[in-house]
Protein backbone atom coordinates (compact mmCIF):
# COMPACT_ATOMS: atom_id res chain seq x y z
CA MET A 1 101.49 109.68 110.86
CA ALA A 2 98.90 107.80 109.22
CA GLU A 3 95.55 108.18 110.08
CA THR A 4 94.07 105.09 112.53
CA LEU A 5 91.55 103.46 110.70
CA LEU A 6 90.31 100.53 113.08
CA GLU A 7 90.87 100.04 116.69
CA VAL A 8 90.55 96.39 118.13
CA ARG A 9 90.91 96.24 121.61
CA HIS A 10 90.46 93.08 123.73
CA LEU A 11 88.27 91.57 121.95
CA ASN A 12 86.68 88.32 123.25
CA ALA A 13 84.22 86.59 120.70
CA PHE A 14 81.65 83.95 121.63
CA TYR A 15 79.18 81.72 119.54
CA ARG A 16 76.02 80.08 121.24
CA ASN A 17 76.48 76.17 120.70
CA ARG A 18 73.24 73.81 122.01
CA GLY A 19 73.09 76.81 124.53
CA ARG A 20 76.11 77.06 125.90
CA ARG A 21 78.33 79.82 125.03
CA GLN A 22 81.51 79.21 123.68
CA GLN A 23 84.28 81.31 123.73
CA ILE A 24 86.33 81.64 120.09
CA LEU A 25 88.97 84.77 120.37
CA HIS A 26 90.39 85.48 123.78
CA ASP A 27 91.56 89.18 124.31
CA VAL A 28 92.62 90.05 120.89
CA SER A 29 93.86 93.45 120.27
CA PHE A 30 95.03 95.33 116.70
CA THR A 31 95.09 98.50 114.81
CA ILE A 32 95.24 98.86 111.03
CA HIS A 33 96.64 102.63 109.92
CA GLU A 34 95.67 104.05 106.34
CA GLY A 35 97.62 102.81 103.53
CA GLU A 36 98.41 99.51 105.87
CA VAL A 37 98.03 95.74 104.74
CA LEU A 38 97.72 93.70 107.69
CA GLY A 39 98.35 90.35 107.14
CA LEU A 40 96.47 87.70 109.60
CA VAL A 41 97.45 83.72 109.29
CA GLY A 42 97.00 81.10 111.11
CA GLU A 43 95.76 77.33 110.33
CA SER A 44 92.00 76.70 109.94
CA GLY A 45 89.57 76.82 112.62
CA CYS A 46 91.85 79.43 114.73
CA GLY A 47 89.19 82.13 114.72
CA LYS A 48 90.25 84.73 111.64
CA THR A 49 86.83 84.41 110.37
CA THR A 50 85.20 85.36 113.75
CA LEU A 51 87.41 88.27 114.00
CA SER A 52 85.98 89.31 110.30
CA ARG A 53 82.58 88.70 111.57
CA ALA A 54 83.25 90.55 114.87
CA ILE A 55 84.78 93.75 112.98
CA LEU A 56 81.71 93.82 110.53
CA GLY A 57 79.01 93.59 112.83
CA ILE A 58 77.95 89.84 111.91
CA ASN A 59 78.78 88.34 115.55
CA ARG A 60 77.71 90.29 117.95
CA GLU A 61 78.54 88.00 120.68
CA ILE A 62 81.23 89.84 121.87
CA ASP A 63 83.16 91.55 124.78
CA GLY A 64 85.86 94.36 124.11
CA GLU A 65 85.74 97.22 121.70
CA ILE A 66 85.87 97.63 118.12
CA LEU A 67 86.19 101.36 117.04
CA HIS A 68 85.77 102.21 113.12
CA HIS A 69 87.22 105.69 112.58
CA GLY A 70 87.16 105.29 108.64
CA GLY A 71 83.73 104.24 108.39
CA GLN A 72 82.44 100.89 107.93
CA PRO A 73 85.23 98.33 106.03
CA ARG A 74 83.77 95.91 103.04
CA MET A 75 84.58 92.22 102.99
CA VAL A 76 85.88 90.35 99.87
CA PHE A 77 85.19 86.82 100.42
CA GLN A 78 86.45 83.18 100.16
CA ASP A 79 83.85 81.85 97.72
CA PRO A 80 82.26 84.54 95.35
CA ALA A 81 80.26 81.94 94.05
CA SER A 82 78.48 81.82 97.31
CA SER A 83 78.19 85.25 98.09
CA LEU A 84 77.29 86.98 94.90
CA ASN A 85 73.33 86.48 94.11
CA PRO A 86 73.31 84.10 91.05
CA ALA A 87 70.01 85.77 89.67
CA TRP A 88 71.15 88.96 89.54
CA THR A 89 73.35 90.29 86.98
CA VAL A 90 76.76 91.80 87.48
CA GLY A 91 75.60 95.27 87.27
CA ARG A 92 73.00 94.52 89.70
CA LEU A 93 74.98 92.99 92.42
CA LEU A 94 77.76 96.13 91.86
CA GLU A 95 74.66 98.71 91.98
CA GLU A 96 72.84 97.94 94.52
CA PRO A 97 74.63 99.51 97.34
CA LEU A 98 74.74 102.47 95.56
CA ARG A 99 71.21 102.15 94.84
CA ASN A 100 70.49 101.93 98.74
CA ALA A 101 72.72 104.94 98.99
CA GLY A 102 70.69 107.01 96.74
CA VAL A 103 72.73 107.26 93.82
CA PRO A 104 71.16 108.22 90.75
CA LYS A 105 70.62 105.63 87.94
CA GLN A 106 73.27 107.38 85.82
CA GLU A 107 75.89 107.81 88.19
CA ARG A 108 75.39 104.17 89.23
CA LEU A 109 75.93 102.75 85.67
CA ALA A 110 78.68 104.71 85.07
CA ARG A 111 80.12 103.84 88.65
CA ALA A 112 79.54 100.15 87.59
CA ILE A 113 81.00 100.39 84.25
CA GLU A 114 83.92 101.99 85.90
CA MET A 115 84.88 99.48 88.88
CA LEU A 116 84.25 96.52 85.87
CA ASP A 117 87.51 98.27 84.16
CA LEU A 118 89.53 99.01 87.26
CA VAL A 119 89.46 95.19 88.13
CA GLY A 120 90.43 93.83 84.36
CA LEU A 121 86.53 93.07 83.96
CA ASP A 122 85.51 94.27 79.87
CA SER A 123 81.74 96.48 79.95
CA ALA A 124 80.08 92.92 78.71
CA SER A 125 80.29 91.63 81.95
CA TYR A 126 77.85 93.78 83.16
CA GLU A 127 75.03 92.50 81.72
CA ARG A 128 76.31 88.47 82.86
CA ARG A 129 75.43 86.42 85.58
CA PRO A 130 78.01 84.83 88.16
CA GLY A 131 77.34 81.53 86.83
CA GLY A 132 78.45 82.39 83.66
CA LEU A 133 81.85 83.69 85.08
CA SER A 134 85.14 81.60 85.99
CA GLY A 135 86.27 81.72 89.25
CA GLY A 136 88.60 84.45 88.58
CA GLN A 137 86.26 86.29 87.28
CA ARG A 138 83.79 86.36 90.00
CA GLN A 139 86.47 87.21 92.90
CA ARG A 140 87.39 90.30 90.66
CA VAL A 141 83.51 91.18 90.56
CA GLY A 142 83.62 90.21 94.25
CA ILE A 143 86.48 92.82 94.47
CA ALA A 144 84.38 95.65 92.68
CA ALA A 145 81.49 95.13 94.58
CA ALA A 146 83.35 95.74 98.05
CA ILE A 147 85.51 98.89 96.47
CA ILE A 148 82.67 100.27 94.51
CA GLY A 149 81.08 102.39 97.73
CA GLN A 150 84.50 103.78 98.42
CA PRO A 151 85.20 102.12 101.70
CA LYS A 152 88.99 103.02 103.27
CA LEU A 153 89.68 99.64 104.85
CA VAL A 154 88.57 95.96 102.83
CA ILE A 155 88.52 92.82 104.91
CA ALA A 156 89.35 90.07 102.22
CA ASP A 157 89.08 86.88 104.23
CA GLU A 158 90.92 83.48 102.28
CA PRO A 159 90.11 85.95 98.65
CA VAL A 160 92.73 83.50 96.99
CA SER A 161 92.45 80.34 98.34
CA ALA A 162 89.61 78.61 96.06
CA LEU A 163 91.92 79.45 92.75
CA ASP A 164 94.72 77.80 91.09
CA VAL A 165 98.11 79.42 91.84
CA THR A 166 97.91 81.33 88.37
CA ILE A 167 94.52 83.10 88.99
CA GLN A 168 95.69 83.71 92.35
CA ALA A 169 99.06 85.16 91.68
CA GLN A 170 96.62 87.23 89.44
CA ILE A 171 94.28 88.28 92.12
CA LEU A 172 97.17 89.38 94.66
CA ASP A 173 98.47 91.87 91.54
CA LEU A 174 95.29 93.34 91.23
CA PHE A 175 94.82 93.74 95.08
CA MET A 176 98.46 95.42 95.44
CA ARG A 177 97.51 97.55 92.48
CA LEU A 178 93.93 99.00 94.18
CA ARG A 179 95.99 99.39 97.09
CA LYS A 180 98.11 101.82 94.94
CA GLU A 181 96.00 103.68 93.14
CA LEU A 182 92.87 103.69 95.69
CA GLY A 183 95.15 104.40 98.73
CA LEU A 184 93.24 101.04 100.43
CA SER A 185 94.22 99.66 103.39
CA TYR A 186 93.15 95.63 104.21
CA LEU A 187 92.98 93.30 107.06
CA PHE A 188 93.94 90.33 104.29
CA ILE A 189 93.39 87.08 105.93
CA SER A 190 95.21 83.72 104.95
CA HIS A 191 96.29 79.97 105.95
CA ASP A 192 99.34 80.25 103.35
CA MET A 193 102.23 81.86 104.42
CA ASP A 194 103.50 82.52 100.74
CA VAL A 195 100.65 84.58 100.11
CA ILE A 196 101.11 86.62 103.14
CA TRP A 197 104.22 87.67 102.62
CA GLN A 198 103.96 88.36 99.39
CA ILE A 199 101.02 91.60 100.46
CA SER A 200 101.51 91.85 103.66
CA ASP A 201 103.19 95.20 105.23
CA THR A 202 102.44 93.61 109.11
CA VAL A 203 102.14 89.90 110.15
CA MET A 204 99.84 89.60 112.69
CA VAL A 205 99.87 85.19 113.66
CA MET A 206 96.80 84.01 115.31
CA GLU A 207 96.61 80.15 117.54
CA ASN A 208 93.40 79.01 119.16
CA GLY A 209 91.63 82.40 119.13
CA ARG A 210 94.62 84.18 120.48
CA ILE A 211 97.05 86.33 118.73
CA VAL A 212 100.69 85.13 119.53
CA GLU A 213 102.98 87.11 117.55
CA THR A 214 103.08 90.59 115.54
CA GLY A 215 105.29 92.57 113.39
CA PRO A 216 106.25 94.02 110.37
CA ARG A 217 106.77 91.29 107.80
CA ASP A 218 110.21 90.91 107.14
CA ASP A 219 110.97 90.55 111.34
CA VAL A 220 108.24 87.75 111.44
CA PHE A 221 109.58 85.88 108.48
CA ARG A 222 112.64 86.64 109.21
CA ASP A 223 112.77 85.83 112.84
CA PRO A 224 110.02 84.50 114.74
CA GLN A 225 109.59 84.49 118.10
CA HIS A 226 107.09 82.03 118.65
CA PRO A 227 107.18 78.30 118.42
CA TYR A 228 103.76 78.64 116.66
CA THR A 229 104.96 80.83 113.84
CA LYS A 230 107.57 78.87 113.39
CA LYS A 231 106.00 75.74 112.69
CA LEU A 232 103.90 77.63 110.12
CA LEU A 233 106.94 78.78 108.37
CA ASP A 234 108.45 75.51 108.86
CA ALA A 235 105.09 74.20 106.88
CA ALA A 236 105.41 76.49 104.21
CA LEU A 237 109.11 75.86 103.35
């Protein structure tokens, strides 16, 4: 049986709004197993990013349990232009987490070059800055930065929504290849049902901070049980 990497149990999450506590997530429970891609889908504002921030420990206004059995997950953000320090070279961006972990300089360099090759960038990218890269190249750097520390679980929050369709397909192919080559698991967040179909094993549908349907991808797409899931599929068609 596959190892459980993440358990979320009866999670409620809140934000402070003008001194008042506003609930965003309501009794969210799920697990992610080794090798699994769990696709989380829902319209903008439904609470998907709040969930990812709670899992990463950024949002600590929570009730319930978040149990990490496979180590701390890493994050691939929607907009690499804002998540990558524009003043740093790609090499420094990749090496920084290794430097913080005490990895020697030569090993850091070797791992950074290896990561660039793994995500489809040439070694010359090491000396470049994010502003000199295309959107697709920046997202490849963001993916390399997330996986260089060898996490078991990666959270990808709308990682292709800012890219054009052709580049989207290339980045999705990269995610799937890295899953196979590195044995990665993903919590893959999107509002796009087509993207969720392409990459997910299991689909979890969120509406207004609540999970309204969960199941194997084929079951959810072919025989949706909840009216909101049906609405998302109808909109996609």
